[in-house]
Structures are given as structure tokens and as C-alpha cells.
Amino acid sequence: MIKVTLIKSVSNETKTVKATVEALGLKKIGQTKTFEESPAVLGQVKKAGYLLKVEKGE
């Protein structure tokens, strides 16, 4: 499990980065979601990683 938190705004980002963050279900700064570690999720986190804080869970 990984915990992903949006820590920066997506307002000045490209459409693809905005769509990736939205696909992760993050809309507001400080919002956190928990995901299973899958290749799809890890790819999304890698693409928008500079906007996110990622923590390893259990």
C-alpha cells in the first residue's frame, strides 16, 4: 500500500499531468488517497511525482 498526498497545485501544469492527478482522485492540496502498489498506479505517481508526497504503507 502507498499513501499519496497532493502537495502542490496543478493549475499551471499540462493537460496530461492534470488528468493524471485527477485520475488518482486528488482534487485539493492536502488530500490523501491510499492505493495498492500496481504498475498503473506507480506510473501515474511517477508522471506527477513532483506534485505529490508518497509514503510506503503496510
PDB file of N, CA and C in Angstrom:
ATOM      1  N   MET A   1       0.843  -1.185   0.000  1.00  0.00           N
ATOM      2  CA  MET A   1       0.000   0.000   0.000  1.00  0.00           C
ATOM      3  C   MET A   1       0.888   1.247   0.000  1.00  0.00           C
ATOM      4  N   ILE A   2       0.456   2.233  -0.767  1.00  0.00           N
ATOM      5  CA  ILE A   2       1.139   3.524  -0.743  1.00  0.00           C
ATOM      6  C   ILE A   2       0.114   4.612  -0.470  1.00  0.00           C
ATOM      7  N   LYS A   3       0.547   5.633   0.237  1.00  0.00           N
ATOM      8  CA  LYS A   3      -0.296   6.767   0.573  1.00  0.00           C
ATOM      9  C   LYS A   3       0.197   7.953  -0.251  1.00  0.00           C
ATOM     10  N   VAL A   4      -0.685   8.557  -1.051  1.00  0.00           N
ATOM     11  CA  VAL A   4      -0.318   9.635  -1.960  1.00  0.00           C
ATOM     12  C   VAL A   4      -1.061  10.897  -1.550  1.00  0.00           C
ATOM     13  N   THR A   5      -0.312  12.000  -1.365  1.00  0.00           N
ATOM     14  CA  THR A   5      -0.885  13.269  -0.954  1.00  0.00           C
ATOM     15  C   THR A   5      -0.510  14.337  -1.966  1.00  0.00           C
ATOM     16  N   LEU A   6      -1.487  15.136  -2.393  1.00  0.00           N
ATOM     17  CA  LEU A   6      -1.223  16.251  -3.309  1.00  0.00           C
ATOM     18  C   LEU A   6      -0.659  17.410  -2.494  1.00  0.00           C
ATOM     19  N   ILE A   7       0.563  17.864  -2.838  1.00  0.00           N
ATOM     20  CA  ILE A   7       1.189  18.928  -2.051  1.00  0.00           C
ATOM     21  C   ILE A   7       1.406  20.215  -2.838  1.00  0.00           C
ATOM     22  N   LYS A   8       1.219  20.170  -4.163  1.00  0.00           N
ATOM     23  CA  LYS A   8       1.358  21.371  -4.976  1.00  0.00           C
ATOM     24  C   LYS A   8       0.171  21.484  -5.915  1.00  0.00           C
ATOM     25  N   SER A   9      -0.098  22.703  -6.358  1.00  0.00           N
ATOM     26  CA  SER A   9      -1.217  22.965  -7.245  1.00  0.00           C
ATOM     27  C   SER A   9      -0.958  22.442  -8.648  1.00  0.00           C
ATOM     28  N   VAL A  10      -2.033  22.066  -9.333  1.00  0.00           N
ATOM     29  CA  VAL A  10      -1.925  21.605 -10.717  1.00  0.00           C
ATOM     30  C   VAL A  10      -2.333  22.694 -11.712  1.00  0.00           C
ATOM     31  N   SER A  11      -2.563  23.893 -11.233  1.00  0.00           N
ATOM     32  CA  SER A  11      -3.122  24.945 -12.085  1.00  0.00           C
ATOM     33  C   SER A  11      -2.235  25.324 -13.271  1.00  0.00           C
ATOM     34  N   ASN A  12      -0.924  25.283 -13.131  1.00  0.00           N
ATOM     35  CA  ASN A  12      -0.038  25.673 -14.229  1.00  0.00           C
ATOM     36  C   ASN A  12       0.579  24.474 -14.942  1.00  0.00           C
ATOM     37  N   GLU A  13      -0.016  23.312 -14.786  1.00  0.00           N
ATOM     38  CA  GLU A  13       0.530  22.094 -15.373  1.00  0.00           C
ATOM     39  C   GLU A  13      -0.131  21.783 -16.717  1.00  0.00           C
ATOM     40  N   THR A  14       0.471  20.857 -17.459  1.00  0.00           N
ATOM     41  CA  THR A  14      -0.089  20.453 -18.746  1.00  0.00           C
ATOM     42  C   THR A  14      -1.364  19.641 -18.535  1.00  0.00           C
ATOM     43  N   LYS A  15      -2.124  19.497 -19.620  1.00  0.00           N
ATOM     44  CA  LYS A  15      -3.384  18.755 -19.526  1.00  0.00           C
ATOM     45  C   LYS A  15      -3.160  17.314 -19.080  1.00  0.00           C
ATOM     46  N   THR A  16      -2.080  16.706 -19.550  1.00  0.00           N
ATOM     47  CA  THR A  16      -1.850  15.299 -19.206  1.00  0.00           C
ATOM     48  C   THR A  16      -1.537  15.129 -17.723  1.00  0.00           C
ATOM     49  N   VAL A  17      -0.778  16.064 -17.151  1.00  0.00           N
ATOM     50  CA  VAL A  17      -0.468  15.977 -15.722  1.00  0.00           C
ATOM     51  C   VAL A  17      -1.732  16.229 -14.903  1.00  0.00           C
ATOM     52  N   LYS A  18      -2.533  17.199 -15.313  1.00  0.00           N
ATOM     53  CA  LYS A  18      -3.795  17.464 -14.616  1.00  0.00           C
ATOM     54  C   LYS A  18      -4.696  16.231 -14.654  1.00  0.00           C
ATOM     55  N   ALA A  19      -4.769  15.593 -15.817  1.00  0.00           N
ATOM     56  CA  ALA A  19      -5.609  14.403 -15.965  1.00  0.00           C
ATOM     57  C   ALA A  19      -5.091  13.254 -15.112  1.00  0.00           C
ATOM     58  N   THR A  20      -3.784  13.123 -15.009  1.00  0.00           N
ATOM     59  CA  THR A  20      -3.192  12.057 -14.198  1.00  0.00           C
ATOM     60  C   THR A  20      -3.523  12.248 -12.724  1.00  0.00           C
ATOM     61  N   VAL A  21      -3.381  13.479 -12.234  1.00  0.00           N
ATOM     62  CA  VAL A  21      -3.699  13.769 -10.827  1.00  0.00           C
ATOM     63  C   VAL A  21      -5.188  13.538 -10.579  1.00  0.00           C
ATOM     64  N   GLU A  22      -6.018  13.946 -11.531  1.00  0.00           N
ATOM     65  CA  GLU A  22      -7.458  13.741 -11.385  1.00  0.00           C
ATOM     66  C   GLU A  22      -7.800  12.250 -11.388  1.00  0.00           C
ATOM     67  N   ALA A  23      -7.093  11.470 -12.202  1.00  0.00           N
ATOM     68  CA  ALA A  23      -7.326  10.027 -12.259  1.00  0.00           C
ATOM     69  C   ALA A  23      -6.957   9.354 -10.941  1.00  0.00           C
ATOM     70  N   LEU A  24      -6.006   9.935 -10.225  1.00  0.00           N
ATOM     71  CA  LEU A  24      -5.658   9.422  -8.901  1.00  0.00           C
ATOM     72  C   LEU A  24      -6.711   9.802  -7.861  1.00  0.00           C
ATOM     73  N   GLY A  25      -7.637  10.684  -8.231  1.00  0.00           N
ATOM     74  CA  GLY A  25      -8.708  11.077  -7.320  1.00  0.00           C
ATOM     75  C   GLY A  25      -8.340  12.219  -6.399  1.00  0.00           C
ATOM     76  N   LEU A  26      -7.281  12.962  -6.751  1.00  0.00           N
ATOM     77  CA  LEU A  26      -6.830  14.071  -5.908  1.00  0.00           C
ATOM     78  C   LEU A  26      -7.305  15.382  -6.511  1.00  0.00           C
ATOM     79  N   LYS A  27      -8.043  16.165  -5.713  1.00  0.00           N
ATOM     80  CA  LYS A  27      -8.602  17.414  -6.223  1.00  0.00           C
ATOM     81  C   LYS A  27      -8.094  18.641  -5.478  1.00  0.00           C
ATOM     82  N   LYS A  28      -7.826  18.501  -4.188  1.00  0.00           N
ATOM     83  CA  LYS A  28      -7.406  19.646  -3.386  1.00  0.00           C
ATOM     84  C   LYS A  28      -6.035  19.388  -2.774  1.00  0.00           C
ATOM     85  N   ILE A  29      -5.284  20.448  -2.563  1.00  0.00           N
ATOM     86  CA  ILE A  29      -3.985  20.330  -1.919  1.00  0.00           C
ATOM     87  C   ILE A  29      -4.207  19.796  -0.505  1.00  0.00           C
ATOM     88  N   GLY A  30      -3.412  18.809  -0.132  1.00  0.00           N
ATOM     89  CA  GLY A  30      -3.527  18.200   1.182  1.00  0.00           C
ATOM     90  C   GLY A  30      -4.396  16.959   1.201  1.00  0.00           C
ATOM     91  N   GLN A  31      -5.086  16.687   0.098  1.00  0.00           N
ATOM     92  CA  GLN A  31      -5.929  15.497   0.027  1.00  0.00           C
ATOM     93  C   GLN A  31      -5.056  14.251  -0.110  1.00  0.00           C
ATOM     94  N   THR A  32      -5.429  13.192   0.579  1.00  0.00           N
ATOM     95  CA  THR A  32      -4.651  11.959   0.600  1.00  0.00           C
ATOM     96  C   THR A  32      -5.507  10.778   0.165  1.00  0.00           C
ATOM     97  N   LYS A  33      -4.915   9.879  -0.610  1.00  0.00           N
ATOM     98  CA  LYS A  33      -5.570   8.638  -1.022  1.00  0.00           C
ATOM     99  C   LYS A  33      -4.591   7.490  -0.806  1.00  0.00           C
ATOM    100  N   THR A  34      -5.132   6.306  -0.582  1.00  0.00           N
ATOM    101  CA  THR A  34      -4.318   5.108  -0.399  1.00  0.00           C
ATOM    102  C   THR A  34      -4.584   4.151  -1.559  1.00  0.00           C
ATOM    103  N   PHE A  35      -3.510   3.592  -2.101  1.00  0.00           N
ATOM    104  CA  PHE A  35      -3.607   2.703  -3.245  1.00  0.00           C
ATOM    105  C   PHE A  35      -2.790   1.444  -3.016  1.00  0.00           C
ATOM    106  N   GLU A  36      -3.197   0.370  -3.687  1.00  0.00           N
ATOM    107  CA  GLU A  36      -2.367  -0.827  -3.785  1.00  0.00           C
ATOM    108  C   GLU A  36      -1.240  -0.505  -4.761  1.00  0.00           C
ATOM    109  N   GLU A  37      -0.059  -1.069  -4.538  1.00  0.00           N
ATOM    110  CA  GLU A  37       1.060  -0.840  -5.445  1.00  0.00           C
ATOM    111  C   GLU A  37       0.869  -1.682  -6.700  1.00  0.00           C
ATOM    112  N   SER A  38       0.448  -1.043  -7.778  1.00  0.00           N
ATOM    113  CA  SER A  38       0.308  -1.722  -9.061  1.00  0.00           C
ATOM    114  C   SER A  38       1.107  -0.931 -10.095  1.00  0.00           C
ATOM    115  N   PRO A  39       1.470  -1.549 -11.198  1.00  0.00           N
ATOM    116  CA  PRO A  39       2.230  -0.817 -12.218  1.00  0.00           C
ATOM    117  C   PRO A  39       1.506   0.440 -12.718  1.00  0.00           C
ATOM    118  N   ALA A  40       0.176   0.371 -12.830  1.00  0.00           N
ATOM    119  CA  ALA A  40      -0.591   1.525 -13.309  1.00  0.00           C
ATOM    120  C   ALA A  40      -0.479   2.699 -12.337  1.00  0.00           C
ATOM    121  N   VAL A  41      -0.674   2.427 -11.070  1.00  0.00           N
ATOM    122  CA  VAL A  41      -0.614   3.491 -10.062  1.00  0.00           C
ATOM    123  C   VAL A  41       0.803   4.045  -9.942  1.00  0.00           C
ATOM    124  N   LEU A  42       1.793   3.171  -9.953  1.00  0.00           N
ATOM    125  CA  LEU A  42       3.178   3.634  -9.847  1.00  0.00           C
ATOM    126  C   LEU A  42       3.573   4.494 -11.046  1.00  0.00           C
ATOM    127  N   GLY A  43       3.046   4.182 -12.220  1.00  0.00           N
ATOM    128  CA  GLY A  43       3.301   5.008 -13.400  1.00  0.00           C
ATOM    129  C   GLY A  43       2.682   6.376 -13.276  1.00  0.00           C
ATOM    130  N   GLN A  44       1.472   6.440 -12.746  1.00  0.00           N
ATOM    131  CA  GLN A  44       0.813   7.731 -12.537  1.00  0.00           C
ATOM    132  C   GLN A  44       1.568   8.563 -11.514  1.00  0.00           C
ATOM    133  N   VAL A  45       2.024   7.915 -10.442  1.00  0.00           N
ATOM    134  CA  VAL A  45       2.776   8.624  -9.405  1.00  0.00           C
ATOM    135  C   VAL A  45       4.095   9.140  -9.970  1.00  0.00           C
ATOM    136  N   LYS A  46       4.732   8.355 -10.831  1.00  0.00           N
ATOM    137  CA  LYS A  46       5.994   8.776 -11.433  1.00  0.00           C
ATOM    138  C   LYS A  46       5.796   9.997 -12.327  1.00  0.00           C
ATOM    139  N   LYS A  47       4.691  10.013 -13.086  1.00  0.00           N
ATOM    140  CA  LYS A  47       4.429  11.114 -14.012  1.00  0.00           C
ATOM    141  C   LYS A  47       4.201  12.434 -13.274  1.00  0.00           C
ATOM    142  N   ALA A  48       3.497  12.407 -12.160  1.00  0.00           N
ATOM    143  CA  ALA A  48       3.157  13.622 -11.428  1.00  0.00           C
ATOM    144  C   ALA A  48       3.856  13.680 -10.079  1.00  0.00           C
ATOM    145  N   GLY A  49       4.948  12.965  -9.932  1.00  0.00           N
ATOM    146  CA  GLY A  49       5.620  12.812  -8.648  1.00  0.00           C
ATOM    147  C   GLY A  49       6.080  14.100  -8.003  1.00  0.00           C
ATOM    148  N   TYR A  50       6.415  15.097  -8.814  1.00  0.00           N
ATOM    149  CA  TYR A  50       6.884  16.365  -8.254  1.00  0.00           C
ATOM    150  C   TYR A  50       5.759  17.176  -7.615  1.00  0.00           C
ATOM    151  N   LEU A  51       4.524  16.755  -7.796  1.00  0.00           N
ATOM    152  CA  LEU A  51       3.376  17.412  -7.163  1.00  0.00           C
ATOM    153  C   LEU A  51       2.862  16.630  -5.957  1.00  0.00           C
ATOM    154  N   LEU A  52       3.426  15.455  -5.747  1.00  0.00           N
ATOM    155  CA  LEU A  52       2.887  14.533  -4.755  1.00  0.00           C
ATOM    156  C   LEU A  52       3.897  14.193  -3.671  1.00  0.00           C
ATOM    157  N   LYS A  53       3.357  13.785  -2.523  1.00  0.00           N
ATOM    158  CA  LYS A  53       4.170  13.180  -1.462  1.00  0.00           C
ATOM    159  C   LYS A  53       3.715  11.741  -1.359  1.00  0.00           C
ATOM    160  N   VAL A  54       4.662  10.819  -1.477  1.00  0.00           N
ATOM    161  CA  VAL A  54       4.337   9.387  -1.484  1.00  0.00           C
ATOM    162  C   VAL A  54       4.975   8.737  -0.267  1.00  0.00           C
ATOM    163  N   GLU A  55       4.156   7.980   0.477  1.00  0.00           N
ATOM    164  CA  GLU A  55       4.627   7.270   1.659  1.00  0.00           C
ATOM    165  C   GLU A  55       4.306   5.786   1.507  1.00  0.00           C
ATOM    166  N   LYS A  56       5.253   4.946   1.875  1.00  0.00           N
ATOM    167  CA  LYS A  56       5.024   3.499   1.869  1.00  0.00           C
ATOM    168  C   LYS A  56       4.188   3.150   3.085  1.00  0.00           C
ATOM    169  N   GLY A  57       3.149   2.354   2.851  1.00  0.00           N
ATOM    170  CA  GLY A  57       2.294   1.909   3.948  1.00  0.00           C
ATOM    171  C   GLY A  57       2.608   0.496   4.353  1.00  0.00           C
ATOM    172  N   GLU A  58       1.624  -0.170   4.904  1.00  0.00           N
ATOM    173  CA  GLU A  58       1.784  -1.537   5.389  1.00  0.00           C
ATOM    174  C   GLU A  58       1.968  -2.509   4.254  1.00  0.00           C
TER     175      GLU A  58
END
